[in-house]
């Protein structure tokens, strides 16, 4: 198959997976809507770094070790579940607070530091055990033994950039002035809903049998 076509298929599969609703989508959406465009974009950067970590795991062969070790896989699974429940509980408790609504109304740019925004995104993807399975599967399908390091870097970079660009674009759209103006009245409920969903995803992850 033509190299460009194969890469295009890979990028399309990666984009479809990135666009599917999940913890990354909820975290990116919440941070953008509650704290502003800057926070949303930095969260997207963190999500991309989390993907980059999984790409490194795959290329170094660590993904196989993680997927085959029940202990290591469960450590990631329960750590990921605990993190989702933790940030979900924080969102649930903070929802509707006057201070957060006021901050959101003036732009919310300083209410979430760059470090915290990046951390939210990075840990959300890093501690997602489904990502271990997904990247192990997709790279096995598209990468063949003997491929040059340049090709490996291209595919890895594609995965990272698709994640960053999609969620950055989503943050930009969601923080458009007209969207934010309509969002003001429901910001408290939105935060509570996001928190509830993240906690539900965390519980579901903890109870799931992925291995």
N, C-alpha and C. Protein backbone atom coordinates (compact mmCIF):
# COMPACT_ATOMS: atom_id res chain seq x y z
N UNK A 1 0.85 -1.20 0.00
CA UNK A 1 0.00 0.00 0.00
C UNK A 1 0.88 1.24 0.00
N UNK A 2 0.44 2.27 -0.70
CA UNK A 2 1.17 3.52 -0.75
C UNK A 2 1.41 4.07 0.66
N UNK A 3 2.63 4.56 0.91
CA UNK A 3 3.00 5.02 2.24
C UNK A 3 2.09 6.14 2.74
N UNK A 4 1.83 7.13 1.87
CA UNK A 4 1.00 8.26 2.27
C UNK A 4 -0.41 7.80 2.61
N UNK A 5 -0.96 6.89 1.82
CA UNK A 5 -2.31 6.38 2.07
C UNK A 5 -2.36 5.64 3.40
N UNK A 6 -1.33 4.84 3.67
CA UNK A 6 -1.28 4.09 4.92
C UNK A 6 -1.21 5.06 6.11
N UNK A 7 -0.41 6.10 5.97
CA UNK A 7 -0.31 7.11 7.04
C UNK A 7 -1.64 7.84 7.23
N UNK A 8 -2.32 8.12 6.12
CA UNK A 8 -3.60 8.82 6.19
C UNK A 8 -4.64 7.97 6.91
N UNK A 9 -4.64 6.68 6.65
CA UNK A 9 -5.56 5.77 7.34
C UNK A 9 -5.25 5.76 8.83
N UNK A 10 -3.96 5.70 9.15
CA UNK A 10 -3.53 5.71 10.55
C UNK A 10 -4.00 6.99 11.25
N UNK A 11 -3.80 8.13 10.61
CA UNK A 11 -4.20 9.41 11.19
C UNK A 11 -5.72 9.47 11.37
N UNK A 12 -6.46 8.90 10.43
CA UNK A 12 -7.92 8.90 10.50
C UNK A 12 -8.42 8.05 11.67
N UNK A 13 -7.78 6.89 11.86
CA UNK A 13 -8.15 6.02 12.98
C UNK A 13 -7.84 6.72 14.30
N UNK A 14 -6.69 7.37 14.34
CA UNK A 14 -6.29 8.10 15.55
C UNK A 14 -7.28 9.23 15.85
N UNK A 15 -7.69 9.96 14.82
CA UNK A 15 -8.63 11.07 15.00
C UNK A 15 -9.99 10.56 15.48
N UNK A 16 -10.45 9.46 14.90
CA UNK A 16 -11.74 8.89 15.31
C UNK A 16 -11.72 8.49 16.77
N UNK A 17 -10.61 7.89 17.20
CA UNK A 17 -10.48 7.48 18.60
C UNK A 17 -10.42 8.71 19.52
N UNK A 18 -9.72 9.74 19.07
CA UNK A 18 -9.58 10.96 19.86
C UNK A 18 -10.91 11.67 20.03
N UNK A 19 -11.74 11.66 18.98
CA UNK A 19 -13.03 12.36 19.01
C UNK A 19 -14.08 11.63 19.82
N UNK A 20 -13.87 10.36 20.11
CA UNK A 20 -14.88 9.60 20.84
C UNK A 20 -14.96 10.10 22.29
N UNK A 21 -16.18 10.22 22.83
CA UNK A 21 -16.35 10.72 24.21
C UNK A 21 -15.64 9.83 25.23
N UNK A 22 -15.04 10.46 26.21
CA UNK A 22 -14.32 9.73 27.24
C UNK A 22 -13.75 10.71 28.26
N UNK A 23 -12.90 10.23 29.17
CA UNK A 23 -12.32 11.11 30.18
C UNK A 23 -11.59 12.32 29.60
N UNK A 24 -10.82 12.11 28.53
CA UNK A 24 -10.07 13.22 27.94
C UNK A 24 -11.02 14.32 27.44
N UNK A 25 -12.10 13.90 26.81
CA UNK A 25 -13.08 14.86 26.29
C UNK A 25 -13.70 15.67 27.42
N UNK A 26 -14.07 14.99 28.49
CA UNK A 26 -14.72 15.68 29.61
C UNK A 26 -13.76 16.65 30.30
N UNK A 27 -12.52 16.20 30.54
CA UNK A 27 -11.54 17.05 31.21
C UNK A 27 -11.22 18.28 30.37
N UNK A 28 -11.00 18.08 29.08
CA UNK A 28 -10.67 19.20 28.19
C UNK A 28 -11.83 20.18 28.10
N UNK A 29 -13.03 19.66 27.96
CA UNK A 29 -14.22 20.51 27.86
C UNK A 29 -14.44 21.30 29.14
N UNK A 30 -14.35 20.63 30.26
CA UNK A 30 -14.58 21.32 31.54
C UNK A 30 -13.55 22.42 31.76
N UNK A 31 -12.28 22.13 31.55
CA UNK A 31 -11.25 23.13 31.81
C UNK A 31 -11.40 24.34 30.89
N UNK A 32 -11.77 24.08 29.64
CA UNK A 32 -11.95 25.18 28.70
C UNK A 32 -13.14 26.05 29.09
N UNK A 33 -14.25 25.41 29.43
CA UNK A 33 -15.47 26.15 29.73
C UNK A 33 -15.42 26.86 31.08
N UNK A 34 -14.78 26.22 32.05
CA UNK A 34 -14.76 26.81 33.39
C UNK A 34 -13.60 27.78 33.59
N UNK A 35 -12.49 27.55 32.92
CA UNK A 35 -11.29 28.35 33.19
C UNK A 35 -10.77 29.14 31.99
N UNK A 36 -11.37 28.96 30.84
CA UNK A 36 -10.98 29.77 29.69
C UNK A 36 -10.18 29.03 28.64
N UNK A 37 -10.00 29.70 27.52
CA UNK A 37 -9.32 29.11 26.36
C UNK A 37 -7.89 28.69 26.67
N UNK A 38 -7.17 29.52 27.40
CA UNK A 38 -5.78 29.22 27.72
C UNK A 38 -5.66 27.90 28.48
N UNK A 39 -6.53 27.72 29.48
CA UNK A 39 -6.52 26.48 30.25
C UNK A 39 -6.88 25.29 29.37
N UNK A 40 -7.83 25.48 28.47
CA UNK A 40 -8.23 24.40 27.58
C UNK A 40 -7.11 23.96 26.65
N UNK A 41 -6.38 24.92 26.12
CA UNK A 41 -5.28 24.61 25.21
C UNK A 41 -4.14 23.91 25.95
N UNK A 42 -3.84 24.37 27.15
CA UNK A 42 -2.78 23.71 27.92
C UNK A 42 -3.21 22.32 28.39
N UNK A 43 -4.49 22.14 28.62
CA UNK A 43 -4.99 20.80 28.93
C UNK A 43 -4.81 19.89 27.72
N UNK A 44 -5.06 20.43 26.53
CA UNK A 44 -4.85 19.67 25.30
C UNK A 44 -3.39 19.29 25.14
N UNK A 45 -2.49 20.21 25.51
CA UNK A 45 -1.06 19.90 25.47
C UNK A 45 -0.74 18.75 26.40
N UNK A 46 -1.31 18.78 27.60
CA UNK A 46 -1.09 17.69 28.55
C UNK A 46 -1.63 16.36 28.03
N UNK A 47 -2.79 16.40 27.40
CA UNK A 47 -3.34 15.17 26.81
C UNK A 47 -2.41 14.62 25.74
N UNK A 48 -1.84 15.53 24.93
CA UNK A 48 -0.90 15.11 23.91
C UNK A 48 0.35 14.49 24.51
N UNK A 49 0.84 15.06 25.61
CA UNK A 49 2.02 14.50 26.28
C UNK A 49 1.71 13.12 26.84
N UNK A 50 0.48 12.95 27.32
CA UNK A 50 0.08 11.63 27.81
C UNK A 50 0.07 10.60 26.69
N UNK A 51 -0.42 11.01 25.54
CA UNK A 51 -0.37 10.13 24.36
C UNK A 51 1.07 9.83 23.99
N UNK A 52 1.92 10.86 24.04
CA UNK A 52 3.33 10.67 23.73
C UNK A 52 3.99 9.64 24.63
N UNK A 53 3.60 9.62 25.90
CA UNK A 53 4.15 8.64 26.83
C UNK A 53 3.75 7.23 26.40
N UNK A 54 2.50 7.05 25.99
CA UNK A 54 2.05 5.73 25.53
C UNK A 54 2.75 5.32 24.24
N UNK A 55 3.01 6.28 23.37
CA UNK A 55 3.73 5.99 22.14
C UNK A 55 5.13 5.49 22.47
N UNK A 56 5.79 6.14 23.41
CA UNK A 56 7.13 5.72 23.83
C UNK A 56 7.07 4.31 24.42
N UNK A 57 6.05 4.05 25.22
CA UNK A 57 5.89 2.70 25.79
C UNK A 57 5.81 1.65 24.69
N UNK A 58 5.02 1.95 23.65
CA UNK A 58 4.85 1.00 22.56
C UNK A 58 6.17 0.79 21.81
N UNK A 59 6.83 1.87 21.45
CA UNK A 59 8.04 1.78 20.65
C UNK A 59 9.20 1.14 21.42
N UNK A 60 9.15 1.25 22.75
CA UNK A 60 10.19 0.64 23.57
C UNK A 60 9.84 -0.78 24.04
N UNK A 61 8.66 -1.21 23.66
CA UNK A 61 8.23 -2.55 24.04
C UNK A 61 7.62 -2.64 25.42
N UNK A 62 7.48 -1.48 26.11
CA UNK A 62 6.93 -1.51 27.46
C UNK A 62 5.43 -1.77 27.46
N UNK A 63 4.75 -1.40 26.37
CA UNK A 63 3.31 -1.61 26.30
C UNK A 63 2.98 -3.10 26.38
N UNK A 64 3.83 -3.94 25.77
CA UNK A 64 3.60 -5.38 25.81
C UNK A 64 3.75 -5.89 27.24
N UNK A 65 4.79 -5.38 27.92
CA UNK A 65 5.01 -5.78 29.31
C UNK A 65 3.83 -5.38 30.19
N UNK A 66 3.36 -4.14 30.00
CA UNK A 66 2.24 -3.65 30.81
C UNK A 66 0.96 -4.44 30.56
N UNK A 67 0.70 -4.73 29.27
CA UNK A 67 -0.54 -5.42 28.93
C UNK A 67 -0.53 -6.88 29.38
N UNK A 68 0.66 -7.48 29.50
CA UNK A 68 0.75 -8.89 29.87
C UNK A 68 0.93 -9.11 31.37
N UNK A 69 1.27 -8.06 32.07
CA UNK A 69 1.45 -8.16 33.52
C UNK A 69 0.15 -7.75 34.21
N UNK A 70 -0.49 -8.68 34.85
CA UNK A 70 -1.75 -8.39 35.54
C UNK A 70 -1.53 -7.35 36.63
N UNK A 71 -0.45 -7.49 37.38
CA UNK A 71 -0.17 -6.57 38.48
C UNK A 71 0.03 -5.15 37.98
N UNK A 72 0.92 -4.96 37.01
CA UNK A 72 1.21 -3.62 36.51
C UNK A 72 -0.02 -3.00 35.84
N UNK A 73 -0.74 -3.82 35.08
CA UNK A 73 -1.93 -3.32 34.41
C UNK A 73 -2.98 -2.87 35.42
N UNK A 74 -3.16 -3.65 36.47
CA UNK A 74 -4.14 -3.28 37.49
C UNK A 74 -3.72 -2.05 38.28
N UNK A 75 -2.41 -1.88 38.47
CA UNK A 75 -1.93 -0.68 39.14
C UNK A 75 -2.32 0.56 38.34
N UNK A 76 -2.11 0.49 37.03
CA UNK A 76 -2.49 1.61 36.16
C UNK A 76 -4.00 1.81 36.17
N UNK A 77 -4.72 0.70 36.11
CA UNK A 77 -6.19 0.79 36.06
C UNK A 77 -6.75 1.46 37.32
N UNK A 78 -6.31 1.00 38.48
CA UNK A 78 -6.86 1.55 39.71
C UNK A 78 -6.35 2.96 40.00
N UNK A 79 -5.11 3.25 39.59
CA UNK A 79 -4.60 4.61 39.74
C UNK A 79 -5.39 5.57 38.85
N UNK A 80 -5.70 5.12 37.64
CA UNK A 80 -6.49 5.92 36.71
C UNK A 80 -7.90 6.13 37.23
N UNK A 81 -8.49 5.08 37.78
CA UNK A 81 -9.84 5.19 38.32
C UNK A 81 -9.87 6.15 39.51
N UNK A 82 -8.87 6.04 40.38
CA UNK A 82 -8.80 6.92 41.55
C UNK A 82 -8.64 8.38 41.13
N UNK A 83 -7.83 8.61 40.09
CA UNK A 83 -7.62 9.99 39.64
C UNK A 83 -8.90 10.58 39.06
N UNK A 84 -9.62 9.81 38.27
CA UNK A 84 -10.87 10.30 37.69
C UNK A 84 -11.89 10.60 38.78
N UNK A 85 -11.97 9.73 39.77
CA UNK A 85 -12.90 9.96 40.88
C UNK A 85 -12.49 11.21 41.66
N UNK A 86 -11.19 11.39 41.84
CA UNK A 86 -10.68 12.55 42.59
C UNK A 86 -11.02 13.86 41.91
N UNK A 87 -10.67 13.97 40.61
CA UNK A 87 -10.94 15.24 39.92
C UNK A 87 -12.44 15.43 39.70
N UNK A 88 -13.17 14.31 39.58
CA UNK A 88 -14.62 14.40 39.45
C UNK A 88 -15.26 14.93 40.73
N UNK A 89 -14.78 14.45 41.87
CA UNK A 89 -15.30 14.90 43.16
C UNK A 89 -15.01 16.38 43.36
N UNK A 90 -13.82 16.82 42.95
CA UNK A 90 -13.47 18.23 43.08
C UNK A 90 -14.41 19.10 42.23
N UNK A 91 -14.67 18.65 41.02
CA UNK A 91 -15.57 19.40 40.14
C UNK A 91 -16.98 19.43 40.71
N UNK A 92 -17.40 18.30 41.27
CA UNK A 92 -18.75 18.20 41.82
C UNK A 92 -18.91 19.14 43.02
N UNK A 93 -17.88 19.21 43.84
CA UNK A 93 -17.93 20.07 45.03
C UNK A 93 -17.80 21.55 44.69
N UNK A 94 -17.04 21.84 43.62
CA UNK A 94 -16.82 23.23 43.24
C UNK A 94 -17.94 23.80 42.38
N UNK A 95 -18.76 22.94 41.83
CA UNK A 95 -19.80 23.39 40.92
C UNK A 95 -20.74 24.40 41.55
N UNK A 96 -20.93 25.53 40.86
CA UNK A 96 -21.88 26.52 41.33
C UNK A 96 -21.33 27.51 42.33
N UNK A 97 -20.07 27.38 42.73
CA UNK A 97 -19.52 28.34 43.68
C UNK A 97 -19.45 29.72 43.06
N UNK A 98 -19.81 30.70 43.81
CA UNK A 98 -19.85 32.05 43.29
C UNK A 98 -18.51 32.52 42.78
N UNK A 99 -17.45 32.11 43.46
CA UNK A 99 -16.12 32.56 43.06
C UNK A 99 -15.75 32.03 41.68
N UNK A 100 -16.12 30.77 41.42
CA UNK A 100 -15.79 30.20 40.13
C UNK A 100 -16.61 30.81 39.01
N UNK A 101 -17.89 31.09 39.30
CA UNK A 101 -18.74 31.70 38.28
C UNK A 101 -18.24 33.09 37.95
N UNK A 102 -17.84 33.84 38.98
CA UNK A 102 -17.33 35.18 38.74
C UNK A 102 -16.05 35.14 37.93
N UNK A 103 -15.17 34.19 38.26
CA UNK A 103 -13.93 34.06 37.51
C UNK A 103 -14.20 33.72 36.07
N UNK A 104 -15.16 32.80 35.85
CA UNK A 104 -15.49 32.41 34.49
C UNK A 104 -16.02 33.59 33.69
N UNK A 105 -16.79 34.46 34.33
CA UNK A 105 -17.40 35.57 33.63
C UNK A 105 -16.37 36.58 33.15
N UNK A 106 -15.26 36.71 33.87
CA UNK A 106 -14.23 37.67 33.45
C UNK A 106 -13.15 37.00 32.63
N UNK A 107 -13.37 35.75 32.27
CA UNK A 107 -12.43 35.10 31.37
C UNK A 107 -11.81 33.86 31.95
N UNK A 108 -11.63 33.83 33.28
CA UNK A 108 -11.13 32.62 33.92
C UNK A 108 -9.71 32.27 33.59
N UNK A 109 -8.92 33.18 33.02
CA UNK A 109 -7.62 32.83 32.52
C UNK A 109 -6.64 32.47 33.64
N UNK A 110 -6.81 33.07 34.85
CA UNK A 110 -5.82 32.88 35.90
C UNK A 110 -6.28 31.91 36.98
N UNK A 111 -7.45 31.30 36.82
CA UNK A 111 -7.98 30.44 37.87
C UNK A 111 -7.40 29.04 37.83
N UNK A 112 -6.74 28.67 36.77
CA UNK A 112 -6.10 27.37 36.67
C UNK A 112 -4.71 27.58 36.08
N UNK A 113 -3.68 27.22 36.84
CA UNK A 113 -2.32 27.47 36.37
C UNK A 113 -1.97 26.59 35.18
N UNK A 114 -0.94 26.99 34.46
CA UNK A 114 -0.47 26.21 33.31
C UNK A 114 -0.09 24.80 33.76
N UNK A 115 0.62 24.73 34.87
CA UNK A 115 1.06 23.42 35.37
C UNK A 115 -0.12 22.50 35.66
N UNK A 116 -1.14 23.03 36.35
CA UNK A 116 -2.30 22.21 36.69
C UNK A 116 -3.08 21.79 35.44
N UNK A 117 -3.20 22.69 34.48
CA UNK A 117 -3.92 22.36 33.25
C UNK A 117 -3.21 21.24 32.50
N UNK A 118 -1.88 21.38 32.36
CA UNK A 118 -1.10 20.34 31.68
C UNK A 118 -1.16 19.03 32.47
N UNK A 119 -1.08 19.14 33.80
CA UNK A 119 -1.12 17.94 34.65
C UNK A 119 -2.44 17.20 34.50
N UNK A 120 -3.55 17.95 34.49
CA UNK A 120 -4.86 17.32 34.32
C UNK A 120 -4.90 16.48 33.05
N UNK A 121 -4.44 17.07 31.95
CA UNK A 121 -4.46 16.36 30.67
C UNK A 121 -3.50 15.19 30.65
N UNK A 122 -2.29 15.40 31.13
CA UNK A 122 -1.26 14.36 31.09
C UNK A 122 -1.66 13.14 31.90
N UNK A 123 -2.08 13.34 33.15
CA UNK A 123 -2.44 12.21 34.00
C UNK A 123 -3.71 11.50 33.51
N UNK A 124 -4.63 12.26 32.94
CA UNK A 124 -5.87 11.65 32.42
C UNK A 124 -5.55 10.62 31.36
N UNK A 125 -4.64 10.93 30.45
CA UNK A 125 -4.29 9.98 29.39
C UNK A 125 -3.26 8.95 29.86
N UNK A 126 -2.29 9.38 30.66
CA UNK A 126 -1.25 8.46 31.11
C UNK A 126 -1.83 7.31 31.93
N UNK A 127 -2.81 7.61 32.77
CA UNK A 127 -3.37 6.60 33.67
C UNK A 127 -4.61 5.93 33.10
N UNK A 128 -4.78 6.00 31.79
CA UNK A 128 -5.90 5.34 31.14
C UNK A 128 -5.44 3.98 30.60
N UNK A 129 -5.83 2.89 31.26
CA UNK A 129 -5.37 1.57 30.81
C UNK A 129 -5.87 1.20 29.42
N UNK A 130 -6.99 1.78 29.02
CA UNK A 130 -7.49 1.50 27.67
C UNK A 130 -6.54 2.03 26.62
N UNK A 131 -5.79 3.09 26.97
CA UNK A 131 -4.81 3.64 26.03
C UNK A 131 -3.68 2.65 25.80
N UNK A 132 -3.32 1.90 26.83
CA UNK A 132 -2.27 0.88 26.68
C UNK A 132 -2.69 -0.13 25.63
N UNK A 133 -3.95 -0.57 25.71
CA UNK A 133 -4.48 -1.55 24.76
C UNK A 133 -4.59 -0.95 23.36
N UNK A 134 -5.15 0.28 23.29
CA UNK A 134 -5.39 0.92 22.00
C UNK A 134 -4.09 1.15 21.23
N UNK A 135 -3.12 1.77 21.87
CA UNK A 135 -1.89 2.09 21.15
C UNK A 135 -1.09 0.84 20.82
N UNK A 136 -1.15 -0.14 21.70
CA UNK A 136 -0.49 -1.41 21.38
C UNK A 136 -1.09 -2.04 20.14
N UNK A 137 -2.43 -1.96 20.03
CA UNK A 137 -3.13 -2.56 18.88
C UNK A 137 -2.90 -1.78 17.60
N UNK A 138 -3.04 -0.45 17.65
CA UNK A 138 -2.96 0.34 16.43
C UNK A 138 -1.54 0.36 15.86
N UNK A 139 -0.55 0.42 16.73
CA UNK A 139 0.83 0.44 16.22
C UNK A 139 1.23 -0.93 15.69
N UNK A 140 0.69 -1.98 16.28
CA UNK A 140 0.98 -3.33 15.78
C UNK A 140 0.42 -3.50 14.36
N UNK A 141 -0.72 -2.88 14.09
CA UNK A 141 -1.36 -2.99 12.79
C UNK A 141 -0.63 -2.21 11.70
N UNK A 142 -0.09 -1.06 12.06
CA UNK A 142 0.47 -0.16 11.04
C UNK A 142 2.00 -0.17 10.95
N UNK A 143 2.68 -0.55 12.01
CA UNK A 143 4.14 -0.54 11.98
C UNK A 143 4.66 -1.95 11.82
N UNK A 144 5.62 -2.09 10.92
CA UNK A 144 6.20 -3.39 10.62
C UNK A 144 7.66 -3.43 11.05
N UNK A 145 8.16 -4.61 11.41
CA UNK A 145 9.57 -4.74 11.79
C UNK A 145 10.49 -4.23 10.66
N UNK A 146 11.52 -3.53 11.03
CA UNK A 146 12.46 -3.03 10.05
C UNK A 146 12.18 -1.64 9.55
N UNK A 147 11.07 -1.05 9.99
CA UNK A 147 10.78 0.32 9.58
C UNK A 147 11.82 1.28 10.15
N UNK A 148 12.14 2.30 9.40
CA UNK A 148 13.16 3.25 9.83
C UNK A 148 12.69 4.05 11.04
N UNK A 149 13.66 4.60 11.76
CA UNK A 149 13.32 5.41 12.94
C UNK A 149 12.53 6.64 12.54
N UNK A 150 12.77 7.15 11.33
CA UNK A 150 12.03 8.32 10.86
C UNK A 150 10.55 8.04 10.72
N UNK A 151 10.21 6.86 10.24
CA UNK A 151 8.80 6.46 10.10
C UNK A 151 8.16 6.30 11.47
N UNK A 152 8.89 5.71 12.39
CA UNK A 152 8.37 5.53 13.75
C UNK A 152 8.08 6.87 14.40
N UNK A 153 9.01 7.81 14.21
CA UNK A 153 8.83 9.15 14.77
C UNK A 153 7.63 9.84 14.13
N UNK A 154 7.45 9.65 12.82
CA UNK A 154 6.32 10.25 12.11
C UNK A 154 5.00 9.76 12.68
N UNK A 155 4.87 8.45 12.86
CA UNK A 155 3.62 7.90 13.37
C UNK A 155 3.38 8.33 14.82
N UNK A 156 4.44 8.33 15.61
CA UNK A 156 4.31 8.75 16.99
C UNK A 156 3.92 10.22 17.10
N UNK A 157 4.56 11.06 16.29
CA UNK A 157 4.25 12.49 16.28
C UNK A 157 2.83 12.74 15.81
N UNK A 158 2.38 11.94 14.85
CA UNK A 158 1.01 12.07 14.36
C UNK A 158 0.00 11.84 15.47
N UNK A 159 0.23 10.80 16.26
CA UNK A 159 -0.69 10.49 17.38
C UNK A 159 -0.75 11.66 18.36
N UNK A 160 0.41 12.20 18.69
CA UNK A 160 0.47 13.31 19.65
C UNK A 160 -0.21 14.55 19.10
N UNK A 161 0.10 14.90 17.84
CA UNK A 161 -0.43 16.14 17.26
C UNK A 161 -1.93 16.07 17.02
N UNK A 162 -2.44 14.89 16.66
CA UNK A 162 -3.89 14.74 16.48
C UNK A 162 -4.60 15.04 17.80
N UNK A 163 -4.05 14.53 18.89
CA UNK A 163 -4.64 14.77 20.22
C UNK A 163 -4.61 16.26 20.57
N UNK A 164 -3.46 16.88 20.39
CA UNK A 164 -3.32 18.29 20.76
C UNK A 164 -4.20 19.18 19.88
N UNK A 165 -4.16 18.96 18.57
CA UNK A 165 -4.91 19.83 17.65
C UNK A 165 -6.42 19.69 17.84
N UNK A 166 -6.89 18.46 18.03
CA UNK A 166 -8.33 18.27 18.19
C UNK A 166 -8.85 18.96 19.45
N UNK A 167 -8.19 18.73 20.56
CA UNK A 167 -8.68 19.30 21.81
C UNK A 167 -8.39 20.79 21.92
N UNK A 168 -7.34 21.27 21.26
CA UNK A 168 -7.11 22.71 21.21
C UNK A 168 -8.20 23.38 20.39
N UNK A 169 -8.53 22.79 19.26
CA UNK A 169 -9.60 23.32 18.42
C UNK A 169 -10.93 23.31 19.14
N UNK A 170 -11.19 22.24 19.87
CA UNK A 170 -12.43 22.15 20.64
C UNK A 170 -12.48 23.25 21.70
N UNK A 171 -11.36 23.50 22.35
CA UNK A 171 -11.30 24.54 23.37
C UNK A 171 -11.55 25.92 22.78
N UNK A 172 -11.00 26.16 21.59
CA UNK A 172 -11.19 27.45 20.93
C UNK A 172 -12.66 27.68 20.57
N UNK A 173 -13.29 26.64 20.06
CA UNK A 173 -14.71 26.74 19.69
C UNK A 173 -15.58 26.97 20.93
N UNK A 174 -15.32 26.20 21.98
CA UNK A 174 -16.14 26.28 23.18
C UNK A 174 -15.98 27.59 23.93
N UNK A 175 -14.84 28.26 23.73
CA UNK A 175 -14.61 29.52 24.45
C UNK A 175 -14.89 30.73 23.58
N UNK A 176 -15.57 30.53 22.46
CA UNK A 176 -16.00 31.68 21.64
C UNK A 176 -16.95 32.53 22.48
N UNK A 177 -16.89 33.83 22.29
CA UNK A 177 -17.66 34.77 23.11
C UNK A 177 -19.14 34.42 23.18
N UNK A 178 -19.77 34.07 22.06
CA UNK A 178 -21.20 33.77 22.05
C UNK A 178 -21.51 32.51 22.84
N UNK A 179 -20.63 31.52 22.72
CA UNK A 179 -20.84 30.27 23.45
C UNK A 179 -20.71 30.52 24.95
N UNK A 180 -19.68 31.26 25.34
CA UNK A 180 -19.45 31.53 26.77
C UNK A 180 -20.55 32.38 27.37
N UNK A 181 -21.10 33.28 26.58
CA UNK A 181 -22.18 34.13 27.08
C UNK A 181 -23.39 33.29 27.46
N UNK A 182 -23.70 32.28 26.65
CA UNK A 182 -24.84 31.40 26.95
C UNK A 182 -24.51 30.41 28.07
N UNK A 183 -23.23 30.14 28.23
CA UNK A 183 -22.80 29.15 29.21
C UNK A 183 -22.84 29.69 30.64
N UNK A 184 -22.74 31.01 30.79
CA UNK A 184 -22.65 31.61 32.12
C UNK A 184 -23.74 31.14 33.06
N UNK A 185 -24.96 31.10 32.59
CA UNK A 185 -26.10 30.77 33.45
C UNK A 185 -26.10 29.33 33.93
N UNK A 186 -25.42 28.44 33.21
CA UNK A 186 -25.46 27.02 33.58
C UNK A 186 -24.10 26.50 34.02
N UNK A 187 -23.14 27.39 34.28
CA UNK A 187 -21.78 26.96 34.60
C UNK A 187 -21.72 26.05 35.82
N UNK A 188 -22.52 26.37 36.84
CA UNK A 188 -22.52 25.54 38.04
C UNK A 188 -23.00 24.13 37.78
N UNK A 189 -24.10 24.01 37.05
CA UNK A 189 -24.63 22.69 36.71
C UNK A 189 -23.68 21.94 35.77
N UNK A 190 -23.05 22.67 34.86
CA UNK A 190 -22.11 22.04 33.94
C UNK A 190 -20.95 21.41 34.71
N UNK A 191 -20.43 22.14 35.70
CA UNK A 191 -19.33 21.61 36.49
C UNK A 191 -19.76 20.37 37.26
N UNK A 192 -20.98 20.40 37.81
CA UNK A 192 -21.49 19.25 38.55
C UNK A 192 -21.66 18.03 37.63
N UNK A 193 -22.19 18.27 36.45
CA UNK A 193 -22.40 17.17 35.50
C UNK A 193 -21.06 16.56 35.10
N UNK A 194 -20.08 17.41 34.78
CA UNK A 194 -18.74 16.91 34.42
C UNK A 194 -18.14 16.11 35.56
N UNK A 195 -18.30 16.63 36.78
CA UNK A 195 -17.77 15.91 37.94
C UNK A 195 -18.43 14.56 38.12
N UNK A 196 -19.75 14.53 37.97
CA UNK A 196 -20.47 13.27 38.09
C UNK A 196 -20.06 12.26 37.03
N UNK A 197 -19.88 12.73 35.80
CA UNK A 197 -19.47 11.84 34.72
C UNK A 197 -18.08 11.28 34.96
N UNK A 198 -17.16 12.14 35.41
CA UNK A 198 -15.79 11.69 35.67
C UNK A 198 -15.77 10.65 36.80
N UNK A 199 -16.56 10.88 37.83
CA UNK A 199 -16.63 9.91 38.91
C UNK A 199 -17.24 8.59 38.44
N UNK A 200 -18.26 8.68 37.60
CA UNK A 200 -18.89 7.47 37.07
C UNK A 200 -17.91 6.69 36.19
N UNK A 201 -17.13 7.42 35.38
CA UNK A 201 -16.13 6.76 34.55
C UNK A 201 -15.05 6.11 35.40
N UNK A 202 -14.70 6.77 36.50
CA UNK A 202 -13.70 6.20 37.40
C UNK A 202 -14.19 4.92 38.04
N UNK A 203 -15.43 4.92 38.51
CA UNK A 203 -16.00 3.71 39.12
C UNK A 203 -16.12 2.59 38.09
N UNK A 204 -16.57 2.97 36.89
CA UNK A 204 -16.71 1.97 35.83
C UNK A 204 -15.36 1.36 35.47
N UNK A 205 -14.32 2.21 35.43
CA UNK A 205 -12.98 1.72 35.12
C UNK A 205 -12.48 0.77 36.20
N UNK A 206 -12.72 1.13 37.47
CA UNK A 206 -12.27 0.28 38.57
C UNK A 206 -12.95 -1.09 38.55
N UNK A 207 -14.21 -1.11 38.13
CA UNK A 207 -14.97 -2.37 38.14
C UNK A 207 -14.84 -3.17 36.84
N UNK A 208 -14.24 -2.54 35.83
CA UNK A 208 -14.15 -3.21 34.52
C UNK A 208 -13.10 -4.31 34.53
N UNK A 209 -13.28 -5.26 33.64
CA UNK A 209 -12.32 -6.35 33.46
C UNK A 209 -11.67 -6.20 32.09
N UNK A 210 -10.59 -5.41 32.06
CA UNK A 210 -9.92 -5.12 30.80
C UNK A 210 -8.82 -6.13 30.51
N UNK A 211 -8.34 -6.78 31.54
CA UNK A 211 -7.19 -7.67 31.36
C UNK A 211 -7.64 -9.12 31.26
